[in-house]
Each structure stands twice: as structure tokens, then as C-alpha cells.
Amino acid sequence: MELQVAEMPKFTDLHRPDSPAADIRLPDAVTVRHGPIGLLSRFFLKADQIARDRGIRLRVRTDMEELLDLNRRETAKGNWYAVLPPFNCELDELTPENSFWISGVDEKGETVVAQAARLYQWHDSSLADHVREMMYPDPACTLPCYVHCEAAHKIRGVVYFGGSTWIRPDHRRKGLGGLMPQVSRAYGAATWGTDWLIAFIQRHLIELNMHQAYGYREASFGFSLPGSPWGDLEIALARQSSLELMANLEAFLSKGSKAAAA
């Protein structure tokens, strides 16, 4: 079975925050504009079923204000950390065309899972030129930001940036931590036609091989933000080309849901 992409809502309707389609079940929200339709269709259907088997309904959303509200509520409870500026609609200009988040809703109608994504278009520059403005969007900010990551100079073109993965404590250890980033990257690639898909991951998570759990094979240290609002940060760049993503999705489907989501 493949997604009926020809009958999906128009792109402009799907991504209007005031449209009912702005909060819609994952398979119904997907119009594959880029990449192999058959592979992506099968992946979204499988990922949606995995989540449903765990009592969670996945939704694609563009109401970034609600993501921020959810983040603040859960951070106050000690269940999350403040979202990074690229996902904060009060610090950056987020629109339905350049951002989305995927929520997971349980049987009580409560949001228990979240994953955010942002689009960048760097056709005449690279990630290395933009790290500071991503992390410190206020031009008046004088906090240091050091970039010494060779791989960052190679990240150009249409770039997906993902992060702020969150799972409520009572839904952890169900394989969702590995599933959600892959769902988000696949949706970003299918919607935006990405050249690269990237994430920033802190050192302690890299040491736990979490980048591999998120579906990234490569991660390189090279970003330092001493004295940042999040502490003295050492960040690794996790990266994946669109071709590598498609290979990962093939592996996901061939290995079966349990192995792929672990």
C-alpha cells in the first residue's frame, strides 16, 4: 500500500497554521514532492503503525507557538530542556514554509512526544558561516561561538536542521527516541528536497552513541559555546546526505520495526 499523494491537500493549505490540515495524522499529511515515492510511502506507513502499536498517534504540525508552550510547561516540570533558538518562534522567524514539528498524542489526547525541524537554504554559504546566528540570533549578543569543524564547511544547499526531541518520561524506552528523528528527517526530505540533514548533539550523548540511535552514522566535534545560556557547550555535528537517509529507510524497512526502532 502506498500513500495516495495525488489526493493530499495543497501545500499552501497543508502548511497554514489556521488550517485543519496543520495538525493531521502523519500518513495523511505527507505529499512526497522529493525522493522515491514508494520507499517514503512505505516508511511513513510503517512508522505510523509502530507509534500506534505503542498507543501514540503521530501528527505533523506547524504551530510553533504550541511547541514553545509545550516546551516551557515540560521544562518547568524538569522533563525537558529549553528548545534551541532555531525552534523558538520568539527568537527566530518561523513560518509554515521553513519549520514544522511532529507531535505524538496518547490515548488521553495528551502530547507525549515531540520533534522539531527547520529549513535553511545556504546556496552561497555553508553551515560554518551560520552557526553563530543559529545559536545567538540577537546581533547584540557578544557570547563566544567557536567553529572549528571542517565538515561544517561542506554543509551547503537545502539543509534540514532537526532537534529538540522529547519523550515524556512514562513513554520512554519504547523505541521512540530512535524513531522520531528518522520520521522528521524523512518528512523534511520529502517536503523540502534536502541536500543535507543535520543535528547538533552534545558530547555526553555522543559518548552514549545516541547519534547512531538517531540514525546518523557520522558526527564530528567542532562547535564550542563557552558561557552559553545552556552551560559550557561542546557540540558535535551529526550529518547525513539525502542518499544516506534513503539507505537508512531501506534498512529500517528490511530489518523490521523492532530492530529499526531500537
C-alpha atoms as a PDB file:
ATOM      1  CA  MET A   1       0.000   0.000   0.000  1.00  0.00           C
ATOM      2  CA  GLU A   2       1.283   3.478  -0.902  1.00  0.00           C
ATOM      3  CA  LEU A   3       0.188   6.903   0.216  1.00  0.00           C
ATOM      4  CA  GLN A   4      -2.360   8.487  -2.098  1.00  0.00           C
ATOM      5  CA  VAL A   5      -0.192  11.511  -2.767  1.00  0.00           C
ATOM      6  CA  ALA A   6      -2.367  12.804  -5.604  1.00  0.00           C
ATOM      7  CA  GLU A   7      -5.275  13.396  -3.208  1.00  0.00           C
ATOM      8  CA  MET A   8      -3.378  15.219  -0.478  1.00  0.00           C
ATOM      9  CA  PRO A   9      -4.231  18.832   0.495  1.00  0.00           C
ATOM     10  CA  LYS A  10      -2.450  21.559  -1.435  1.00  0.00           C
ATOM     11  CA  PHE A  11       0.914  22.568   0.005  1.00  0.00           C
ATOM     12  CA  THR A  12      -0.333  26.035   0.891  1.00  0.00           C
ATOM     13  CA  ASP A  13      -3.334  24.592   2.751  1.00  0.00           C
ATOM     14  CA  LEU A  14      -1.364  21.868   4.497  1.00  0.00           C
ATOM     15  CA  HIS A  15       1.089  24.343   5.957  1.00  0.00           C
ATOM     16  CA  ARG A  16      -1.273  27.118   7.000  1.00  0.00           C
ATOM     17  CA  PRO A  17      -1.348  27.192  10.817  1.00  0.00           C
ATOM     18  CA  ASP A  18      -5.081  28.035  10.794  1.00  0.00           C
ATOM     19  CA  SER A  19      -5.936  25.113   8.527  1.00  0.00           C
ATOM     20  CA  PRO A  20      -7.275  21.821   9.940  1.00  0.00           C
ATOM     21  CA  ALA A  21      -4.566  20.177   7.845  1.00  0.00           C
ATOM     22  CA  ALA A  22      -1.913  21.863  10.003  1.00  0.00           C
ATOM     23  CA  ASP A  23      -2.484  19.141  12.626  1.00  0.00           C
ATOM     24  CA  ILE A  24      -3.072  15.934  10.710  1.00  0.00           C
ATOM     25  CA  ARG A  25      -2.207  12.253  11.017  1.00  0.00           C
ATOM     26  CA  LEU A  26       1.249  11.561   9.627  1.00  0.00           C
ATOM     27  CA  PRO A  27       0.421   9.402   6.560  1.00  0.00           C
ATOM     28  CA  ASP A  28      -2.400  11.760   5.561  1.00  0.00           C
ATOM     29  CA  ALA A  29      -0.149  14.812   5.860  1.00  0.00           C
ATOM     30  CA  VAL A  30       2.544  13.584   3.508  1.00  0.00           C
ATOM     31  CA  THR A  31       2.774  14.732  -0.078  1.00  0.00           C
ATOM     32  CA  VAL A  32       6.035  13.329  -1.419  1.00  0.00           C
ATOM     33  CA  ARG A  33       7.475  16.088  -3.573  1.00  0.00           C
ATOM     34  CA  HIS A  34      11.056  14.863  -3.497  1.00  0.00           C
ATOM     35  CA  GLY A  35      12.608  11.412  -3.317  1.00  0.00           C
ATOM     36  CA  PRO A  36      11.349   7.902  -4.069  1.00  0.00           C
ATOM     37  CA  ILE A  37       7.586   7.877  -3.508  1.00  0.00           C
ATOM     38  CA  GLY A  38       7.294   4.135  -2.924  1.00  0.00           C
ATOM     39  CA  LEU A  39      10.057   3.957  -0.318  1.00  0.00           C
ATOM     40  CA  LEU A  40       8.928   7.040   1.564  1.00  0.00           C
ATOM     41  CA  SER A  41       5.294   5.937   1.478  1.00  0.00           C
ATOM     42  CA  ARG A  42       6.137   2.565   2.974  1.00  0.00           C
ATOM     43  CA  PHE A  43       8.322   4.168   5.609  1.00  0.00           C
ATOM     44  CA  PHE A  44       5.676   6.645   6.778  1.00  0.00           C
ATOM     45  CA  LEU A  45       3.020   3.969   6.966  1.00  0.00           C
ATOM     46  CA  LYS A  46       5.345   1.664   8.919  1.00  0.00           C
ATOM     47  CA  ALA A  47       6.495   4.414  11.287  1.00  0.00           C
ATOM     48  CA  ASP A  48       2.909   5.442  11.923  1.00  0.00           C
ATOM     49  CA  GLN A  49       1.973   1.851  12.726  1.00  0.00           C
ATOM     50  CA  ILE A  50       4.918   1.456  15.117  1.00  0.00           C
ATOM     51  CA  ALA A  51       3.780   4.538  17.020  1.00  0.00           C
ATOM     52  CA  ARG A  52       0.148   3.369  17.049  1.00  0.00           C
ATOM     53  CA  ASP A  53       1.237  -0.002  18.422  1.00  0.00           C
ATOM     54  CA  ARG A  54       2.625   1.975  21.353  1.00  0.00           C
ATOM     55  CA  GLY A  55      -0.619   3.914  21.805  1.00  0.00           C
ATOM     56  CA  ILE A  56       0.631   7.084  20.110  1.00  0.00           C
ATOM     57  CA  ARG A  57      -0.788   8.949  17.125  1.00  0.00           C
ATOM     58  CA  LEU A  58       1.757  10.993  15.178  1.00  0.00           C
ATOM     59  CA  ARG A  59       0.829  14.405  13.788  1.00  0.00           C
ATOM     60  CA  VAL A  60       2.629  16.900  11.556  1.00  0.00           C
ATOM     61  CA  ARG A  61       2.206  20.421  12.906  1.00  0.00           C
ATOM     62  CA  THR A  62       3.285  23.955  12.024  1.00  0.00           C
ATOM     63  CA  ASP A  63       2.002  25.792  15.117  1.00  0.00           C
ATOM     64  CA  MET A  64       5.433  26.520  16.534  1.00  0.00           C
ATOM     65  CA  GLU A  65       3.863  28.625  19.292  1.00  0.00           C
ATOM     66  CA  GLU A  66       2.289  25.477  20.710  1.00  0.00           C
ATOM     67  CA  LEU A  67       5.644  23.695  20.584  1.00  0.00           C
ATOM     68  CA  LEU A  68       7.159  26.523  22.614  1.00  0.00           C
ATOM     69  CA  ASP A  69       4.294  26.439  25.137  1.00  0.00           C
ATOM     70  CA  LEU A  70       4.652  22.670  25.499  1.00  0.00           C
ATOM     71  CA  ASN A  71       8.399  23.035  25.947  1.00  0.00           C
ATOM     72  CA  ARG A  72       8.011  25.624  28.682  1.00  0.00           C
ATOM     73  CA  ARG A  73       5.453  23.550  30.574  1.00  0.00           C
ATOM     74  CA  GLU A  74       7.570  20.413  30.469  1.00  0.00           C
ATOM     75  CA  THR A  75      10.814  22.240  31.200  1.00  0.00           C
ATOM     76  CA  ALA A  76       9.187  23.677  34.344  1.00  0.00           C
ATOM     77  CA  LYS A  77       8.433  20.090  35.401  1.00  0.00           C
ATOM     78  CA  GLY A  78      12.038  19.048  34.818  1.00  0.00           C
ATOM     79  CA  ASN A  79      11.101  16.796  31.882  1.00  0.00           C
ATOM     80  CA  TRP A  80      12.765  18.758  29.048  1.00  0.00           C
ATOM     81  CA  TYR A  81      15.315  21.428  28.220  1.00  0.00           C
ATOM     82  CA  ALA A  82      14.606  24.784  26.583  1.00  0.00           C
ATOM     83  CA  VAL A  83      14.379  24.441  22.823  1.00  0.00           C
ATOM     84  CA  LEU A  84      17.252  25.868  20.807  1.00  0.00           C
ATOM     85  CA  PRO A  85      16.704  29.260  19.116  1.00  0.00           C
ATOM     86  CA  PRO A  86      16.124  27.791  15.628  1.00  0.00           C
ATOM     87  CA  PHE A  87      12.919  26.223  17.013  1.00  0.00           C
ATOM     88  CA  ASN A  88      11.868  29.151  19.201  1.00  0.00           C
ATOM     89  CA  CYS A  89       9.301  31.318  17.410  1.00  0.00           C
ATOM     90  CA  GLU A  90      10.022  34.218  19.776  1.00  0.00           C
ATOM     91  CA  LEU A  91      13.694  34.308  18.800  1.00  0.00           C
ATOM     92  CA  ASP A  92      13.561  33.432  15.118  1.00  0.00           C
ATOM     93  CA  GLU A  93      11.159  33.957  12.249  1.00  0.00           C
ATOM     94  CA  LEU A  94       9.443  30.605  11.902  1.00  0.00           C
ATOM     95  CA  THR A  95       6.847  30.098   9.189  1.00  0.00           C
ATOM     96  CA  PRO A  96       4.899  27.104   7.859  1.00  0.00           C
ATOM     97  CA  GLU A  97       7.306  27.119   4.927  1.00  0.00           C
ATOM     98  CA  ASN A  98      10.520  26.833   6.961  1.00  0.00           C
ATOM     99  CA  SER A  99       9.582  24.844  10.055  1.00  0.00           C
ATOM    100  CA  PHE A 100       7.418  22.078  11.439  1.00  0.00           C
ATOM    101  CA  TRP A 101       7.236  19.754  14.375  1.00  0.00           C
ATOM    102  CA  ILE A 102       5.908  16.258  14.822  1.00  0.00           C
ATOM    103  CA  SER A 103       3.835  15.541  17.892  1.00  0.00           C
ATOM    104  CA  GLY A 104       2.812  12.235  19.375  1.00  0.00           C
ATOM    105  CA  VAL A 105      -0.536  12.144  21.166  1.00  0.00           C
ATOM    106  CA  ASP A 106      -1.539   9.374  23.553  1.00  0.00           C
ATOM    107  CA  GLU A 107      -4.962   7.813  24.087  1.00  0.00           C
ATOM    108  CA  LYS A 108      -5.880  10.573  26.539  1.00  0.00           C
ATOM    109  CA  GLY A 109      -5.217  13.240  23.922  1.00  0.00           C
ATOM    110  CA  GLU A 110      -2.060  14.436  25.674  1.00  0.00           C
ATOM    111  CA  THR A 111       1.080  15.315  23.738  1.00  0.00           C
ATOM    112  CA  VAL A 112       3.802  12.949  24.927  1.00  0.00           C
ATOM    113  CA  VAL A 113       6.340  13.107  22.073  1.00  0.00           C
ATOM    114  CA  ALA A 114       7.815  15.987  20.060  1.00  0.00           C
ATOM    115  CA  GLN A 115      10.476  16.535  17.424  1.00  0.00           C
ATOM    116  CA  ALA A 116      11.192  19.849  15.674  1.00  0.00           C
ATOM    117  CA  ALA A 117      12.700  20.728  12.306  1.00  0.00           C
ATOM    118  CA  ARG A 118      13.886  23.836  10.497  1.00  0.00           C
ATOM    119  CA  LEU A 119      14.748  24.547   6.857  1.00  0.00           C
ATOM    120  CA  TYR A 120      17.811  26.539   5.811  1.00  0.00           C
ATOM    121  CA  GLN A 121      18.852  27.459   2.302  1.00  0.00           C
ATOM    122  CA  TRP A 122      22.574  28.083   2.070  1.00  0.00           C
ATOM    123  CA  HIS A 123      23.314  28.108  -1.635  1.00  0.00           C
ATOM    124  CA  ASP A 124      26.119  30.681  -1.406  1.00  0.00           C
ATOM    125  CA  SER A 125      27.382  29.873   2.088  1.00  0.00           C
ATOM    126  CA  SER A 126      27.785  26.962   4.476  1.00  0.00           C
ATOM    127  CA  LEU A 127      26.784  25.901   7.965  1.00  0.00           C
ATOM    128  CA  ALA A 128      30.102  27.233   9.253  1.00  0.00           C
ATOM    129  CA  ASP A 129      29.002  30.758   8.301  1.00  0.00           C
ATOM    130  CA  HIS A 130      25.715  30.496  10.201  1.00  0.00           C
ATOM    131  CA  VAL A 131      26.319  28.662  13.471  1.00  0.00           C
ATOM    132  CA  ARG A 132      26.562  31.859  15.495  1.00  0.00           C
ATOM    133  CA  GLU A 133      23.286  33.326  14.205  1.00  0.00           C
ATOM    134  CA  MET A 134      21.559  29.978  14.707  1.00  0.00           C
ATOM    135  CA  MET A 135      22.537  29.786  18.350  1.00  0.00           C
ATOM    136  CA  TYR A 136      22.564  33.517  19.107  1.00  0.00           C
ATOM    137  CA  PRO A 137      20.022  35.203  16.795  1.00  0.00           C
ATOM    138  CA  ASP A 138      20.324  38.529  18.651  1.00  0.00           C
ATOM    139  CA  PRO A 139      23.010  40.537  16.759  1.00  0.00           C
ATOM    140  CA  ALA A 140      23.871  42.321  20.000  1.00  0.00           C
ATOM    141  CA  CYS A 141      24.932  39.087  21.693  1.00  0.00           C
ATOM    142  CA  THR A 142      28.672  39.026  22.431  1.00  0.00           C
ATOM    143  CA  LEU A 143      28.948  35.490  23.818  1.00  0.00           C
ATOM    144  CA  PRO A 144      31.710  33.497  22.101  1.00  0.00           C
ATOM    145  CA  CYS A 145      30.928  30.855  19.499  1.00  0.00           C
ATOM    146  CA  TYR A 146      33.876  28.917  18.074  1.00  0.00           C
ATOM    147  CA  VAL A 147      33.593  26.892  14.879  1.00  0.00           C
ATOM    148  CA  HIS A 148      36.466  24.532  14.133  1.00  0.00           C
ATOM    149  CA  CYS A 149      34.589  21.742  12.398  1.00  0.00           C
ATOM    150  CA  GLU A 150      35.819  21.021   8.885  1.00  0.00           C
ATOM    151  CA  ALA A 151      32.625  19.174   7.983  1.00  0.00           C
ATOM    152  CA  ALA A 152      30.565  22.317   8.663  1.00  0.00           C
ATOM    153  CA  HIS A 153      32.066  23.947   5.562  1.00  0.00           C
ATOM    154  CA  LYS A 154      30.628  21.147   3.407  1.00  0.00           C
ATOM    155  CA  ILE A 155      27.026  21.606   4.569  1.00  0.00           C
ATOM    156  CA  ARG A 156      25.502  23.717   1.804  1.00  0.00           C
ATOM    157  CA  GLY A 157      22.353  23.994  -0.277  1.00  0.00           C
ATOM    158  CA  VAL A 158      18.962  22.974   1.095  1.00  0.00           C
ATOM    159  CA  VAL A 159      19.563  21.917   4.685  1.00  0.00           C
ATOM    160  CA  TYR A 160      17.273  20.271   7.223  1.00  0.00           C
ATOM    161  CA  PHE A 161      18.139  21.001  10.853  1.00  0.00           C
ATOM    162  CA  GLY A 162      16.401  18.795  13.402  1.00  0.00           C
ATOM    163  CA  GLY A 163      16.349  18.628  17.158  1.00  0.00           C
ATOM    164  CA  SER A 164      14.519  19.198  20.445  1.00  0.00           C
ATOM    165  CA  THR A 165      13.499  15.561  20.580  1.00  0.00           C
ATOM    166  CA  TRP A 166      11.326  14.996  23.634  1.00  0.00           C
ATOM    167  CA  ILE A 167       9.520  11.975  25.056  1.00  0.00           C
ATOM    168  CA  ARG A 168       7.520  12.210  28.251  1.00  0.00           C
ATOM    169  CA  PRO A 169       9.121  10.017  30.943  1.00  0.00           C
ATOM    170  CA  ASP A 170       6.294   7.480  31.050  1.00  0.00           C
ATOM    171  CA  HIS A 171       6.703   6.811  27.317  1.00  0.00           C
ATOM    172  CA  ARG A 172      10.461   6.396  27.240  1.00  0.00           C
ATOM    173  CA  ARG A 173      12.262   3.124  26.495  1.00  0.00           C
ATOM    174  CA  LYS A 174       9.719   2.237  23.815  1.00  0.00           C
ATOM    175  CA  GLY A 175      11.977   2.820  20.798  1.00  0.00           C
ATOM    176  CA  LEU A 176      10.516   6.253  20.093  1.00  0.00           C
ATOM    177  CA  GLY A 177      13.824   8.073  20.588  1.00  0.00           C
ATOM    178  CA  GLY A 178      15.222   6.390  17.504  1.00  0.00           C
ATOM    179  CA  LEU A 179      12.004   6.583  15.517  1.00  0.00           C
ATOM    180  CA  MET A 180      11.103  10.262  15.834  1.00  0.00           C
ATOM    181  CA  PRO A 181      14.275  11.801  14.340  1.00  0.00           C
ATOM    182  CA  GLN A 182      14.034   9.490  11.335  1.00  0.00           C
ATOM    183  CA  VAL A 183      10.366  10.346  10.793  1.00  0.00           C
ATOM    184  CA  SER A 184      11.184  14.042  10.981  1.00  0.00           C
ATOM    185  CA  ARG A 185      14.121  13.772   8.562  1.00  0.00           C
ATOM    186  CA  ALA A 186      12.080  11.723   6.105  1.00  0.00           C
ATOM    187  CA  TYR A 187       9.264  14.268   6.178  1.00  0.00           C
ATOM    188  CA  GLY A 188      11.718  17.129   5.725  1.00  0.00           C
ATOM    189  CA  ALA A 189      13.415  15.414   2.800  1.00  0.00           C
ATOM    190  CA  ALA A 190      10.101  14.548   1.122  1.00  0.00           C
ATOM    191  CA  THR A 191       8.776  18.093   1.573  1.00  0.00           C
ATOM    192  CA  TRP A 192      11.831  20.293   1.077  1.00  0.00           C
ATOM    193  CA  GLY A 193      14.115  18.271  -1.189  1.00  0.00           C
ATOM    194  CA  THR A 194      17.098  18.482   1.126  1.00  0.00           C
ATOM    195  CA  ASP A 195      20.774  18.156   0.243  1.00  0.00           C
ATOM    196  CA  TRP A 196      21.817  17.608   3.869  1.00  0.00           C
ATOM    197  CA  LEU A 197      20.100  16.648   7.106  1.00  0.00           C
ATOM    198  CA  ILE A 198      21.883  17.715  10.268  1.00  0.00           C
ATOM    199  CA  ALA A 199      21.587  17.961  14.046  1.00  0.00           C
ATOM    200  CA  PHE A 200      23.656  19.351  16.914  1.00  0.00           C
ATOM    201  CA  ILE A 201      24.360  16.770  19.622  1.00  0.00           C
ATOM    202  CA  GLN A 202      26.097  17.331  22.946  1.00  0.00           C
ATOM    203  CA  ARG A 203      29.220  15.400  23.909  1.00  0.00           C
ATOM    204  CA  HIS A 204      27.668  13.243  26.624  1.00  0.00           C
ATOM    205  CA  LEU A 205      25.070  11.971  24.141  1.00  0.00           C
ATOM    206  CA  ILE A 206      27.720  11.234  21.518  1.00  0.00           C
ATOM    207  CA  GLU A 207      29.618   9.218  24.117  1.00  0.00           C
ATOM    208  CA  LEU A 208      26.455   7.138  24.557  1.00  0.00           C
ATOM    209  CA  ASN A 209      26.318   6.652  20.756  1.00  0.00           C
ATOM    210  CA  MET A 210      22.987   8.422  20.647  1.00  0.00           C
ATOM    211  CA  HIS A 211      23.762   9.858  17.214  1.00  0.00           C
ATOM    212  CA  GLN A 212      23.633   6.303  15.896  1.00  0.00           C
ATOM    213  CA  ALA A 213      20.337   5.684  17.675  1.00  0.00           C
ATOM    214  CA  TYR A 214      19.015   8.803  15.940  1.00  0.00           C
ATOM    215  CA  GLY A 215      20.070   7.333  12.595  1.00  0.00           C
ATOM    216  CA  TYR A 216      23.261   9.317  11.981  1.00  0.00           C
ATOM    217  CA  ARG A 217      26.425   7.438  11.096  1.00  0.00           C
ATOM    218  CA  GLU A 218      28.782  10.414  11.230  1.00  0.00           C
ATOM    219  CA  ALA A 219      29.277  13.032  13.928  1.00  0.00           C
ATOM    220  CA  SER A 220      32.186  15.464  14.228  1.00  0.00           C
ATOM    221  CA  PHE A 221      33.030  17.726  17.154  1.00  0.00           C
ATOM    222  CA  GLY A 222      33.953  21.297  16.378  1.00  0.00           C
ATOM    223  CA  PHE A 223      31.473  23.750  17.920  1.00  0.00           C
ATOM    224  CA  SER A 224      32.206  25.362  21.294  1.00  0.00           C
ATOM    225  CA  LEU A 225      29.924  27.778  23.119  1.00  0.00           C
ATOM    226  CA  PRO A 226      31.566  28.641  26.461  1.00  0.00           C
ATOM    227  CA  GLY A 227      29.337  30.522  28.880  1.00  0.00           C
ATOM    228  CA  SER A 228      26.192  29.899  26.826  1.00  0.00           C
ATOM    229  CA  PRO A 229      22.709  30.008  28.404  1.00  0.00           C
ATOM    230  CA  TRP A 230      22.861  26.187  28.288  1.00  0.00           C
ATOM    231  CA  GLY A 231      26.240  25.986  30.015  1.00  0.00           C
ATOM    232  CA  ASP A 232      29.680  25.423  28.509  1.00  0.00           C
ATOM    233  CA  LEU A 233      28.676  23.503  25.410  1.00  0.00           C
ATOM    234  CA  GLU A 234      30.745  21.226  23.229  1.00  0.00           C
ATOM    235  CA  ILE A 235      28.601  20.256  20.282  1.00  0.00           C
ATOM    236  CA  ALA A 236      29.067  17.670  17.561  1.00  0.00           C
ATOM    237  CA  LEU A 237      27.656  17.991  14.075  1.00  0.00           C
ATOM    238  CA  ALA A 238      25.681  14.913  13.086  1.00  0.00           C
ATOM    239  CA  ARG A 239      25.090  14.855   9.349  1.00  0.00           C
ATOM    240  CA  GLN A 240      23.523  12.763   6.645  1.00  0.00           C
ATOM    241  CA  SER A 241      23.032  13.247   2.919  1.00  0.00           C
ATOM    242  CA  SER A 242      19.648  12.577   1.386  1.00  0.00           C
ATOM    243  CA  LEU A 243      21.025   9.439  -0.274  1.00  0.00           C
ATOM    244  CA  GLU A 244      22.224   8.165   3.098  1.00  0.00           C
ATOM    245  CA  LEU A 245      18.808   8.862   4.572  1.00  0.00           C
ATOM    246  CA  MET A 246      17.091   6.817   1.877  1.00  0.00           C
ATOM    247  CA  ALA A 247      19.514   3.938   2.510  1.00  0.00           C
ATOM    248  CA  ASN A 248      18.652   4.139   6.213  1.00  0.00           C
ATOM    249  CA  LEU A 249      14.953   3.979   5.455  1.00  0.00           C
ATOM    250  CA  GLU A 250      15.518   0.919   3.276  1.00  0.00           C
ATOM    251  CA  ALA A 251      17.369  -0.703   6.173  1.00  0.00           C
ATOM    252  CA  PHE A 252      14.586   0.291   8.561  1.00  0.00           C
ATOM    253  CA  LEU A 253      12.008  -1.477   6.441  1.00  0.00           C
ATOM    254  CA  SER A 254      14.130  -4.525   5.710  1.00  0.00           C
ATOM    255  CA  LYS A 255      15.163  -5.160   9.317  1.00  0.00           C
ATOM    256  CA  GLY A 256      11.645  -4.916  10.687  1.00  0.00           C
ATOM    257  CA  SER A 257      10.146  -2.457  13.103  1.00  0.00           C
ATOM    258  CA  LYS A 258      11.686  -3.779  16.299  1.00  0.00           C
ATOM    259  CA  ALA A 259      15.281  -3.668  15.109  1.00  0.00           C
ATOM    260  CA  ALA A 260      14.882  -0.386  13.273  1.00  0.00           C
ATOM    261  CA  ALA A 261      13.227   1.482  16.097  1.00  0.00           C
ATOM    262  CA  ALA A 262      15.510   0.235  18.852  1.00  0.00           C
END
